[in-house]
C-alpha cells in the first residue's frame, strides 16, 4: 500500500511539473507555506545553504547558479562562484546586484523578509531529515522544471540500503557516539545522521529526546561508554583532553573513526551525498570490527 501511495504521489508530481512546463510558468510552495509563481523557470539562482547548492547541482543545473554562501564548496564548480556571505548574514547588496531570478535559502534565516522587501523572489527550503530531503528535491525539481528529482532520491535510498547490507549482522547493534564539532555537539537519534546510523543497524547513545544536534556534557559520553566513536579531524585532538575519556573502551581500543573535512561535509549536509556518507560510516564500522 505504501508503495502504491508513493507511486501515486510521484505521478501527481510529474503531472504538475509537465503542466507547469506546458504553460512556461513554474510554481512552488516553500517551507514557510509561501507560494511562489514565476513566469518561467529561474535561470539566475543564488543559493545560501550548502545542501541546496548541492541539490541544484545534482539536478544538473549548476550553470544556473550565479552565487553561493561561504560554506558551499561542493561540487568543485561551486567553489569558483562568487561568495555572498552566509545564510544568516548574507551580503544583501551583493545579492541584489546579481539580479537573481530566485534566492534559495534556509527557512530559519532571518534575511528572507529583507530580500523580499527589495523585490527579490525567495524560496525558503531547509532539509533536516530524510523525508525533508525527498520533499526538497521534489520542490526544486518543480521550481527548476527538472523531472529527475524522483530518480535522484531513489538513487540515494538505494545507496544507503547498499551501505547497510555491507555490514554483517555480527557488527550491528553497536553503540555509537557521533560528534558534530568540539562543543561538543552530537548527532542524536532525531537527526538525519541519526537516521542513517539507525538504517545501518547501529545504536546511537544520544536519544531523540535530547534533540537532533544537542550540546553534550562530556561526562554523558563517558558514562555511556560507546563501542565506537565517530568524529571529524577538527575535533579529534580535543577529545584526549576531556576528563575521563581516556578510560572509555572505544578510546583505549582505538575504535575511533576520524573523518576528513570532505567526508565530514558529506555527512553533515542532508542532500545528494547522503548515500556517500552512509558508505563512509559503514566503512568505519568494518574497519573497526571488534
C-alpha atoms as a PDB file:
ATOM      1  CA  UNK A   1       0.000   0.000   0.000  1.00  0.00           C
ATOM      2  CA  UNK A   2       2.819   2.412   0.882  1.00  0.00           C
ATOM      3  CA  UNK A   3       4.489   1.737  -2.500  1.00  0.00           C
ATOM      4  CA  UNK A   4       1.203   2.423  -4.278  1.00  0.00           C
ATOM      5  CA  UNK A   5       0.791   5.730  -2.432  1.00  0.00           C
ATOM      6  CA  UNK A   6       4.354   6.774  -3.284  1.00  0.00           C
ATOM      7  CA  UNK A   7       3.780   5.865  -6.930  1.00  0.00           C
ATOM      8  CA  UNK A   8       0.602   7.944  -6.991  1.00  0.00           C
ATOM      9  CA  UNK A   9       2.359  10.931  -5.402  1.00  0.00           C
ATOM     10  CA  UNK A  10       5.207  10.703  -7.925  1.00  0.00           C
ATOM     11  CA  UNK A  11       2.710  10.553 -10.781  1.00  0.00           C
ATOM     12  CA  UNK A  12       0.942  13.627  -9.429  1.00  0.00           C
ATOM     13  CA  UNK A  13       4.270  15.434  -9.079  1.00  0.00           C
ATOM     14  CA  UNK A  14       5.262  14.658 -12.667  1.00  0.00           C
ATOM     15  CA  UNK A  15       1.833  15.782 -13.837  1.00  0.00           C
ATOM     16  CA  UNK A  16       2.207  19.094 -12.024  1.00  0.00           C
ATOM     17  CA  UNK A  17       5.671  19.552 -13.487  1.00  0.00           C
ATOM     18  CA  UNK A  18       4.550  18.846 -17.044  1.00  0.00           C
ATOM     19  CA  UNK A  19       1.620  21.236 -16.651  1.00  0.00           C
ATOM     20  CA  UNK A  20       3.949  23.972 -15.468  1.00  0.00           C
ATOM     21  CA  UNK A  21       6.340  23.374 -18.341  1.00  0.00           C
ATOM     22  CA  UNK A  22       3.494  23.459 -20.843  1.00  0.00           C
ATOM     23  CA  UNK A  23       2.440  26.885 -19.660  1.00  0.00           C
ATOM     24  CA  UNK A  24       6.009  28.132 -19.340  1.00  0.00           C
ATOM     25  CA  UNK A  25       5.357  29.037 -15.699  1.00  0.00           C
ATOM     26  CA  UNK A  26       6.865  27.453 -12.616  1.00  0.00           C
ATOM     27  CA  UNK A  27       5.350  27.353  -9.150  1.00  0.00           C
ATOM     28  CA  UNK A  28       6.456  26.031  -5.780  1.00  0.00           C
ATOM     29  CA  UNK A  29       5.356  26.265  -2.146  1.00  0.00           C
ATOM     30  CA  UNK A  30       8.291  26.668   0.238  1.00  0.00           C
ATOM     31  CA  UNK A  31       8.761  25.624   3.865  1.00  0.00           C
ATOM     32  CA  UNK A  32       7.130  28.828   5.102  1.00  0.00           C
ATOM     33  CA  UNK A  33       3.969  27.984   3.185  1.00  0.00           C
ATOM     34  CA  UNK A  34       4.721  30.826   0.750  1.00  0.00           C
ATOM     35  CA  UNK A  35       3.636  30.092  -2.824  1.00  0.00           C
ATOM     36  CA  UNK A  36       5.960  31.479  -5.487  1.00  0.00           C
ATOM     37  CA  UNK A  37       4.943  31.611  -9.119  1.00  0.00           C
ATOM     38  CA  UNK A  38       7.413  32.638 -11.810  1.00  0.00           C
ATOM     39  CA  UNK A  39       6.691  33.245 -15.482  1.00  0.00           C
ATOM     40  CA  UNK A  40       9.445  30.785 -16.361  1.00  0.00           C
ATOM     41  CA  UNK A  41      11.927  28.544 -14.519  1.00  0.00           C
ATOM     42  CA  UNK A  42      14.657  30.658 -12.879  1.00  0.00           C
ATOM     43  CA  UNK A  43      17.901  30.959 -14.812  1.00  0.00           C
ATOM     44  CA  UNK A  44      19.885  33.039 -12.303  1.00  0.00           C
ATOM     45  CA  UNK A  45      19.967  31.487  -8.832  1.00  0.00           C
ATOM     46  CA  UNK A  46      21.675  32.453  -5.579  1.00  0.00           C
ATOM     47  CA  UNK A  47      21.901  29.551  -3.104  1.00  0.00           C
ATOM     48  CA  UNK A  48      22.556  30.353   0.560  1.00  0.00           C
ATOM     49  CA  UNK A  49      22.658  26.847   2.026  1.00  0.00           C
ATOM     50  CA  UNK A  50      25.254  24.200   1.067  1.00  0.00           C
ATOM     51  CA  UNK A  51      22.703  21.402   0.874  1.00  0.00           C
ATOM     52  CA  UNK A  52      20.594  23.470  -1.548  1.00  0.00           C
ATOM     53  CA  UNK A  53      23.658  24.259  -3.664  1.00  0.00           C
ATOM     54  CA  UNK A  54      24.453  20.555  -3.871  1.00  0.00           C
ATOM     55  CA  UNK A  55      20.853  19.668  -4.752  1.00  0.00           C
ATOM     56  CA  UNK A  56      20.731  22.205  -7.595  1.00  0.00           C
ATOM     57  CA  UNK A  57      23.957  20.748  -8.977  1.00  0.00           C
ATOM     58  CA  UNK A  58      22.778  17.157  -8.504  1.00  0.00           C
ATOM     59  CA  UNK A  59      19.777  18.081 -10.665  1.00  0.00           C
ATOM     60  CA  UNK A  60      22.257  19.094 -13.373  1.00  0.00           C
ATOM     61  CA  UNK A  61      21.629  22.835 -13.014  1.00  0.00           C
ATOM     62  CA  UNK A  62      24.916  24.161 -11.608  1.00  0.00           C
ATOM     63  CA  UNK A  63      25.216  26.548 -14.524  1.00  0.00           C
ATOM     64  CA  UNK A  64      22.184  28.466 -13.254  1.00  0.00           C
ATOM     65  CA  UNK A  65      23.955  29.386 -10.008  1.00  0.00           C
ATOM     66  CA  UNK A  66      25.383  32.917 -10.003  1.00  0.00           C
ATOM     67  CA  UNK A  67      26.497  32.968  -6.336  1.00  0.00           C
ATOM     68  CA  UNK A  68      26.535  30.780  -3.225  1.00  0.00           C
ATOM     69  CA  UNK A  69      27.100  31.113   0.508  1.00  0.00           C
ATOM     70  CA  UNK A  70      30.583  30.949   2.017  1.00  0.00           C
ATOM     71  CA  UNK A  71      30.201  27.307   3.037  1.00  0.00           C
ATOM     72  CA  UNK A  72      29.139  25.899  -0.337  1.00  0.00           C
ATOM     73  CA  UNK A  73      32.257  24.069  -1.520  1.00  0.00           C
ATOM     74  CA  UNK A  74      30.859  21.108  -3.457  1.00  0.00           C
ATOM     75  CA  UNK A  75      30.932  20.283  -6.288  1.00  0.00           C
ATOM     76  CA  UNK A  76      34.145  21.908  -7.499  1.00  0.00           C
ATOM     77  CA  UNK A  77      32.233  24.224  -9.830  1.00  0.00           C
ATOM     78  CA  UNK A  78      30.528  25.792  -6.796  1.00  0.00           C
ATOM     79  CA  UNK A  79      33.897  26.857  -5.364  1.00  0.00           C
ATOM     80  CA  UNK A  80      34.502  29.122  -8.355  1.00  0.00           C
ATOM     81  CA  UNK A  81      31.279  31.064  -7.840  1.00  0.00           C
ATOM     82  CA  UNK A  82      31.086  34.415  -6.016  1.00  0.00           C
ATOM     83  CA  UNK A  83      30.500  34.081  -2.271  1.00  0.00           C
ATOM     84  CA  UNK A  84      27.823  36.350  -0.805  1.00  0.00           C
ATOM     85  CA  UNK A  85      28.180  35.659   2.913  1.00  0.00           C
ATOM     86  CA  UNK A  86      26.336  33.072   4.975  1.00  0.00           C
ATOM     87  CA  UNK A  87      22.738  32.050   5.293  1.00  0.00           C
ATOM     88  CA  UNK A  88      22.356  34.057   8.500  1.00  0.00           C
ATOM     89  CA  UNK A  89      24.435  37.047   7.382  1.00  0.00           C
ATOM     90  CA  UNK A  90      24.118  37.300   3.582  1.00  0.00           C
ATOM     91  CA  UNK A  91      25.571  40.276   1.745  1.00  0.00           C
ATOM     92  CA  UNK A  92      22.271  41.833   0.728  1.00  0.00           C
ATOM     93  CA  UNK A  93      23.659  44.484  -1.641  1.00  0.00           C
ATOM     94  CA  UNK A  94      25.854  41.961  -3.449  1.00  0.00           C
ATOM     95  CA  UNK A  95      22.898  39.625  -3.936  1.00  0.00           C
ATOM     96  CA  UNK A  96      20.679  42.404  -5.285  1.00  0.00           C
ATOM     97  CA  UNK A  97      23.434  43.466  -7.698  1.00  0.00           C
ATOM     98  CA  UNK A  98      23.488  39.960  -9.206  1.00  0.00           C
ATOM     99  CA  UNK A  99      19.824  40.310 -10.264  1.00  0.00           C
ATOM    100  CA  UNK A 100      18.864  36.721  -9.419  1.00  0.00           C
ATOM    101  CA  UNK A 101      15.565  35.260 -10.545  1.00  0.00           C
ATOM    102  CA  UNK A 102      15.335  33.500  -7.186  1.00  0.00           C
ATOM    103  CA  UNK A 103      17.257  33.186  -3.924  1.00  0.00           C
ATOM    104  CA  UNK A 104      17.293  29.758  -2.279  1.00  0.00           C
ATOM    105  CA  UNK A 105      17.843  29.849   1.473  1.00  0.00           C
ATOM    106  CA  UNK A 106      17.051  28.150   4.773  1.00  0.00           C
ATOM    107  CA  UNK A 107      13.630  28.763   6.252  1.00  0.00           C
ATOM    108  CA  UNK A 108      15.356  29.610   9.562  1.00  0.00           C
ATOM    109  CA  UNK A 109      17.245  32.545   8.033  1.00  0.00           C
ATOM    110  CA  UNK A 110      16.006  35.980   9.152  1.00  0.00           C
ATOM    111  CA  UNK A 111      17.171  37.540   5.883  1.00  0.00           C
ATOM    112  CA  UNK A 112      14.286  36.337   3.709  1.00  0.00           C
ATOM    113  CA  UNK A 113      11.999  39.263   4.575  1.00  0.00           C
ATOM    114  CA  UNK A 114      14.725  41.802   3.806  1.00  0.00           C
ATOM    115  CA  UNK A 115      15.450  40.256   0.398  1.00  0.00           C
ATOM    116  CA  UNK A 116      11.750  40.119  -0.457  1.00  0.00           C
ATOM    117  CA  UNK A 117      11.292  43.757   0.580  1.00  0.00           C
ATOM    118  CA  UNK A 118      13.870  44.616  -2.086  1.00  0.00           C
ATOM    119  CA  UNK A 119      11.850  42.846  -4.737  1.00  0.00           C
ATOM    120  CA  UNK A 120      13.696  39.539  -4.895  1.00  0.00           C
ATOM    121  CA  UNK A 121      11.938  36.192  -5.155  1.00  0.00           C
ATOM    122  CA  UNK A 122      12.843  33.900  -2.245  1.00  0.00           C
ATOM    123  CA  UNK A 123      12.268  30.173  -1.822  1.00  0.00           C
ATOM    124  CA  UNK A 124      12.980  29.016   1.729  1.00  0.00           C
ATOM    125  CA  UNK A 125      13.747  25.303   1.977  1.00  0.00           C
ATOM    126  CA  UNK A 126      15.576  23.585   4.816  1.00  0.00           C
ATOM    127  CA  UNK A 127      16.009  19.799   4.779  1.00  0.00           C
ATOM    128  CA  UNK A 128      16.546  18.336   8.248  1.00  0.00           C
ATOM    129  CA  UNK A 129      15.783  14.636   7.809  1.00  0.00           C
ATOM    130  CA  UNK A 130      15.332  12.004   5.112  1.00  0.00           C
ATOM    131  CA  UNK A 131      11.713  12.929   4.442  1.00  0.00           C
ATOM    132  CA  UNK A 132      12.710  16.587   4.106  1.00  0.00           C
ATOM    133  CA  UNK A 133      15.437  15.776   1.574  1.00  0.00           C
ATOM    134  CA  UNK A 134      12.948  13.925  -0.612  1.00  0.00           C
ATOM    135  CA  UNK A 135      10.446  16.783  -0.318  1.00  0.00           C
ATOM    136  CA  UNK A 136      13.022  19.499  -1.064  1.00  0.00           C
ATOM    137  CA  UNK A 137      14.329  17.586  -4.082  1.00  0.00           C
ATOM    138  CA  UNK A 138      10.770  17.458  -5.402  1.00  0.00           C
ATOM    139  CA  UNK A 139      10.243  21.174  -4.749  1.00  0.00           C
ATOM    140  CA  UNK A 140      13.461  22.080  -6.560  1.00  0.00           C
ATOM    141  CA  UNK A 141      12.527  19.788  -9.424  1.00  0.00           C
ATOM    142  CA  UNK A 142       9.286  21.714  -9.804  1.00  0.00           C
ATOM    143  CA  UNK A 143      10.952  25.099  -9.451  1.00  0.00           C
ATOM    144  CA  UNK A 144      13.683  24.338 -11.981  1.00  0.00           C
ATOM    145  CA  UNK A 145      11.438  22.294 -14.314  1.00  0.00           C
ATOM    146  CA  UNK A 146      13.720  19.278 -13.972  1.00  0.00           C
ATOM    147  CA  UNK A 147      11.887  15.930 -13.796  1.00  0.00           C
ATOM    148  CA  UNK A 148      14.860  13.941 -12.417  1.00  0.00           C
ATOM    149  CA  UNK A 149      14.228  14.576  -8.713  1.00  0.00           C
ATOM    150  CA  UNK A 150      12.375  11.275  -8.005  1.00  0.00           C
ATOM    151  CA  UNK A 151      15.144   9.289  -9.711  1.00  0.00           C
ATOM    152  CA  UNK A 152      17.843  11.033  -7.692  1.00  0.00           C
ATOM    153  CA  UNK A 153      16.005  10.287  -4.464  1.00  0.00           C
ATOM    154  CA  UNK A 154      15.700   6.620  -5.402  1.00  0.00           C
ATOM    155  CA  UNK A 155      19.451   6.514  -6.020  1.00  0.00           C
ATOM    156  CA  UNK A 156      20.117   7.979  -2.566  1.00  0.00           C
ATOM    157  CA  UNK A 157      17.816   5.423  -0.930  1.00  0.00           C
ATOM    158  CA  UNK A 158      19.399   2.594  -2.886  1.00  0.00           C
ATOM    159  CA  UNK A 159      22.902   3.725  -1.896  1.00  0.00           C
ATOM    160  CA  UNK A 160      22.010   3.880   1.799  1.00  0.00           C
ATOM    161  CA  UNK A 161      20.424   0.437   1.617  1.00  0.00           C
ATOM    162  CA  UNK A 162      23.553  -0.949  -0.065  1.00  0.00           C
ATOM    163  CA  UNK A 163      25.742   0.517   2.689  1.00  0.00           C
ATOM    164  CA  UNK A 164      23.527  -1.136   5.296  1.00  0.00           C
ATOM    165  CA  UNK A 165      23.792  -4.510   3.564  1.00  0.00           C
ATOM    166  CA  UNK A 166      27.593  -4.268   3.649  1.00  0.00           C
ATOM    167  CA  UNK A 167      27.615  -4.511   7.452  1.00  0.00           C
ATOM    168  CA  UNK A 168      27.445  -8.112   8.716  1.00  0.00           C
ATOM    169  CA  UNK A 169      24.831  -8.939  11.306  1.00  0.00           C
ATOM    170  CA  UNK A 170      27.561  -9.625  13.870  1.00  0.00           C
ATOM    171  CA  UNK A 171      28.660  -5.964  13.708  1.00  0.00           C
ATOM    172  CA  UNK A 172      25.196  -4.487  14.151  1.00  0.00           C
ATOM    173  CA  UNK A 173      23.712  -3.057  17.341  1.00  0.00           C
ATOM    174  CA  UNK A 174      26.967  -1.385  18.300  1.00  0.00           C
ATOM    175  CA  UNK A 175      26.540   1.714  20.432  1.00  0.00           C
ATOM    176  CA  UNK A 176      27.885   4.772  18.618  1.00  0.00           C
ATOM    177  CA  UNK A 177      28.737   8.359  19.528  1.00  0.00           C
ATOM    178  CA  UNK A 178      28.867  10.775  16.573  1.00  0.00           C
ATOM    179  CA  UNK A 179      30.318  14.212  17.317  1.00  0.00           C
ATOM    180  CA  UNK A 180      29.481  17.121  15.019  1.00  0.00           C
ATOM    181  CA  UNK A 181      32.023  19.557  16.463  1.00  0.00           C
ATOM    182  CA  UNK A 182      34.033  20.245  19.554  1.00  0.00           C
ATOM    183  CA  UNK A 183      31.287  21.966  21.569  1.00  0.00           C
ATOM    184  CA  UNK A 184      30.836  19.109  21.918  1.00  0.00           C
ATOM    185  CA  UNK A 185      27.697  18.895  19.801  1.00  0.00           C
ATOM    186  CA  UNK A 186      26.465  15.440  18.891  1.00  0.00           C
ATOM    187  CA  UNK A 187      24.211  13.954  16.232  1.00  0.00           C
ATOM    188  CA  UNK A 188      21.252  12.498  18.088  1.00  0.00           C
ATOM    189  CA  UNK A 189      18.772   9.826  17.053  1.00  0.00           C
ATOM    190  CA  UNK A 190      16.391  12.530  15.802  1.00  0.00           C
ATOM    191  CA  UNK A 191      18.877  13.940  13.269  1.00  0.00           C
ATOM    192  CA  UNK A 192      19.285  12.791   9.673  1.00  0.00           C
ATOM    193  CA  UNK A 193      22.702  11.443  10.701  1.00  0.00           C
ATOM    194  CA  UNK A 194      20.950   9.519  13.444  1.00  0.00           C
ATOM    195  CA  UNK A 195      18.528   8.167  10.849  1.00  0.00           C
ATOM    196  CA  UNK A 196      21.474   6.930   8.789  1.00  0.00           C
ATOM    197  CA  UNK A 197      23.089   5.247  11.808  1.00  0.00           C
ATOM    198  CA  UNK A 198      19.788   3.506  12.559  1.00  0.00           C
ATOM    199  CA  UNK A 199      19.462   2.291   8.986  1.00  0.00           C
ATOM    200  CA  UNK A 200      22.988   0.865   9.251  1.00  0.00           C
ATOM    201  CA  UNK A 201      21.872  -1.152  12.247  1.00  0.00           C
ATOM    202  CA  UNK A 202      23.767   0.931  14.819  1.00  0.00           C
ATOM    203  CA  UNK A 203      22.538   2.294  18.154  1.00  0.00           C
ATOM    204  CA  UNK A 204      23.010   5.991  18.883  1.00  0.00           C
ATOM    205  CA  UNK A 205      23.904   6.769  22.519  1.00  0.00           C
ATOM    206  CA  UNK A 206      22.259  10.212  22.171  1.00  0.00           C
ATOM    207  CA  UNK A 207      18.478   9.724  22.448  1.00  0.00           C
ATOM    208  CA  UNK A 208      15.929  11.566  20.339  1.00  0.00           C
ATOM    209  CA  UNK A 209      14.604  13.277  23.474  1.00  0.00           C
ATOM    210  CA  UNK A 210      17.729  15.480  23.550  1.00  0.00           C
ATOM    211  CA  UNK A 211      17.010  16.886  20.083  1.00  0.00           C
ATOM    212  CA  UNK A 212      18.719  16.401  16.719  1.00  0.00           C
ATOM    213  CA  UNK A 213      22.056  18.107  17.483  1.00  0.00           C
ATOM    214  CA  UNK A 214      22.326  18.699  21.231  1.00  0.00           C
ATOM    215  CA  UNK A 215      25.278  20.111  23.106  1.00  0.00           C
ATOM    216  CA  UNK A 216      26.525  17.231  25.225  1.00  0.00           C
ATOM    217  CA  UNK A 217      28.211  17.187  28.626  1.00  0.00           C
ATOM    218  CA  UNK A 218      31.418  15.187  28.014  1.00  0.00           C
ATOM    219  CA  UNK A 219      30.630  13.178  31.145  1.00  0.00           C
ATOM    220  CA  UNK A 220      27.480  11.915  29.402  1.00  0.00           C
ATOM    221  CA  UNK A 221      29.652  10.172  26.809  1.00  0.00           C
ATOM    222  CA  UNK A 222      31.970   8.744  29.475  1.00  0.00           C
ATOM    223  CA  UNK A 223      29.002   7.243  31.320  1.00  0.00           C
ATOM    224  CA  UNK A 224      27.509   5.869  28.102  1.00  0.00           C
ATOM    225  CA  UNK A 225      30.888   4.283  27.179  1.00  0.00           C
ATOM    226  CA  UNK A 226      30.116   3.740  23.455  1.00  0.00           C
ATOM    227  CA  UNK A 227      31.574   0.904  21.396  1.00  0.00           C
ATOM    228  CA  UNK A 228      32.599   3.247  18.601  1.00  0.00           C
ATOM    229  CA  UNK A 229      33.320   6.990  18.360  1.00  0.00           C
ATOM    230  CA  UNK A 230      32.938   8.987  15.133  1.00  0.00           C
ATOM    231  CA  UNK A 231      34.365  12.491  14.808  1.00  0.00           C
ATOM    232  CA  UNK A 232      35.767  14.981  12.319  1.00  0.00           C
ATOM    233  CA  UNK A 233      39.520  15.621  12.328  1.00  0.00           C
ATOM    234  CA  UNK A 234      38.980  19.167  13.565  1.00  0.00           C
ATOM    235  CA  UNK A 235      37.578  17.886  16.875  1.00  0.00           C
ATOM    236  CA  UNK A 236      39.578  14.709  17.385  1.00  0.00           C
ATOM    237  CA  UNK A 237      42.592  16.286  19.101  1.00  0.00           C
ATOM    238  CA  UNK A 238      40.456  17.914  21.808  1.00  0.00           C
ATOM    239  CA  UNK A 239      38.932  14.593  22.802  1.00  0.00           C
ATOM    240  CA  UNK A 240      42.073  13.341  24.512  1.00  0.00           C
ATOM    241  CA  UNK A 241      41.999  16.302  26.918  1.00  0.00           C
ATOM    242  CA  UNK A 242      38.485  15.661  28.216  1.00  0.00           C
ATOM    243  CA  UNK A 243      38.329  14.246  31.756  1.00  0.00           C
ATOM    244  CA  UNK A 244      37.608  10.530  31.823  1.00  0.00           C
ATOM    245  CA  UNK A 245      37.688   9.982  28.078  1.00  0.00           C
ATOM    246  CA  UNK A 246      40.982   8.091  28.167  1.00  0.00           C
ATOM    247  CA  UNK A 247      39.247   5.393  30.213  1.00  0.00           C
ATOM    248  CA  UNK A 248      36.487   4.754  27.659  1.00  0.00           C
ATOM    249  CA  UNK A 249      36.660   1.376  25.961  1.00  0.00           C
ATOM    250  CA  UNK A 250      36.461   2.859  22.468  1.00  0.00           C
ATOM    251  CA  UNK A 251      39.383   5.210  23.178  1.00  0.00           C
ATOM    252  CA  UNK A 252      41.535   2.502  24.770  1.00  0.00           C
ATOM    253  CA  UNK A 253      40.898   0.133  21.863  1.00  0.00           C
ATOM    254  CA  UNK A 254      41.360   2.991  19.346  1.00  0.00           C
ATOM    255  CA  UNK A 255      37.915   2.353  17.965  1.00  0.00           C
ATOM    256  CA  UNK A 256      37.632   5.941  16.765  1.00  0.00           C
ATOM    257  CA  UNK A 257      36.812   6.969  13.191  1.00  0.00           C
ATOM    258  CA  UNK A 258      38.297  10.344  12.278  1.00  0.00           C
ATOM    259  CA  UNK A 259      36.769  11.832   9.151  1.00  0.00           C
ATOM    260  CA  UNK A 260      38.480  14.216   6.743  1.00  0.00           C
ATOM    261  CA  UNK A 261      36.937  17.661   6.108  1.00  0.00           C
ATOM    262  CA  UNK A 262      35.455  16.478   2.803  1.00  0.00           C
ATOM    263  CA  UNK A 263      33.976  13.386   4.449  1.00  0.00           C
ATOM    264  CA  UNK A 264      32.587  15.466   7.298  1.00  0.00           C
ATOM    265  CA  UNK A 265      30.952  17.887   4.853  1.00  0.00           C
ATOM    266  CA  UNK A 266      29.212  14.990   3.103  1.00  0.00           C
ATOM    267  CA  UNK A 267      27.941  13.632   6.414  1.00  0.00           C
ATOM    268  CA  UNK A 268      26.616  16.851   7.952  1.00  0.00           C
ATOM    269  CA  UNK A 269      24.692  18.030   4.873  1.00  0.00           C
ATOM    270  CA  UNK A 270      21.288  16.481   4.212  1.00  0.00           C
ATOM    271  CA  UNK A 271      21.340  16.214   0.447  1.00  0.00           C
ATOM    272  CA  UNK A 272      22.590  14.277  -2.564  1.00  0.00           C
ATOM    273  CA  UNK A 273      25.690  12.900  -0.802  1.00  0.00           C
ATOM    274  CA  UNK A 274      23.766  11.043   1.907  1.00  0.00           C
ATOM    275  CA  UNK A 275      24.481   7.687   0.271  1.00  0.00           C
ATOM    276  CA  UNK A 276      28.188   8.552   0.149  1.00  0.00           C
ATOM    277  CA  UNK A 277      28.027   9.435   3.848  1.00  0.00           C
ATOM    278  CA  UNK A 278      26.377   6.090   4.606  1.00  0.00           C
ATOM    279  CA  UNK A 279      29.172   4.266   2.776  1.00  0.00           C
ATOM    280  CA  UNK A 280      31.830   6.101   4.791  1.00  0.00           C
ATOM    281  CA  UNK A 281      30.040   5.253   8.025  1.00  0.00           C
ATOM    282  CA  UNK A 282      29.755   1.613   7.007  1.00  0.00           C
ATOM    283  CA  UNK A 283      33.467   1.509   6.189  1.00  0.00           C
ATOM    284  CA  UNK A 284      34.183   2.919   9.645  1.00  0.00           C
ATOM    285  CA  UNK A 285      32.261   0.031  11.223  1.00  0.00           C
ATOM    286  CA  UNK A 286      34.010  -2.562   9.080  1.00  0.00           C
ATOM    287  CA  UNK A 287      37.484  -1.149   9.719  1.00  0.00           C
ATOM    288  CA  UNK A 288      36.968  -1.161  13.476  1.00  0.00           C
ATOM    289  CA  UNK A 289      35.311  -4.554  13.789  1.00  0.00           C
ATOM    290  CA  UNK A 290      35.594  -5.946  17.286  1.00  0.00           C
END
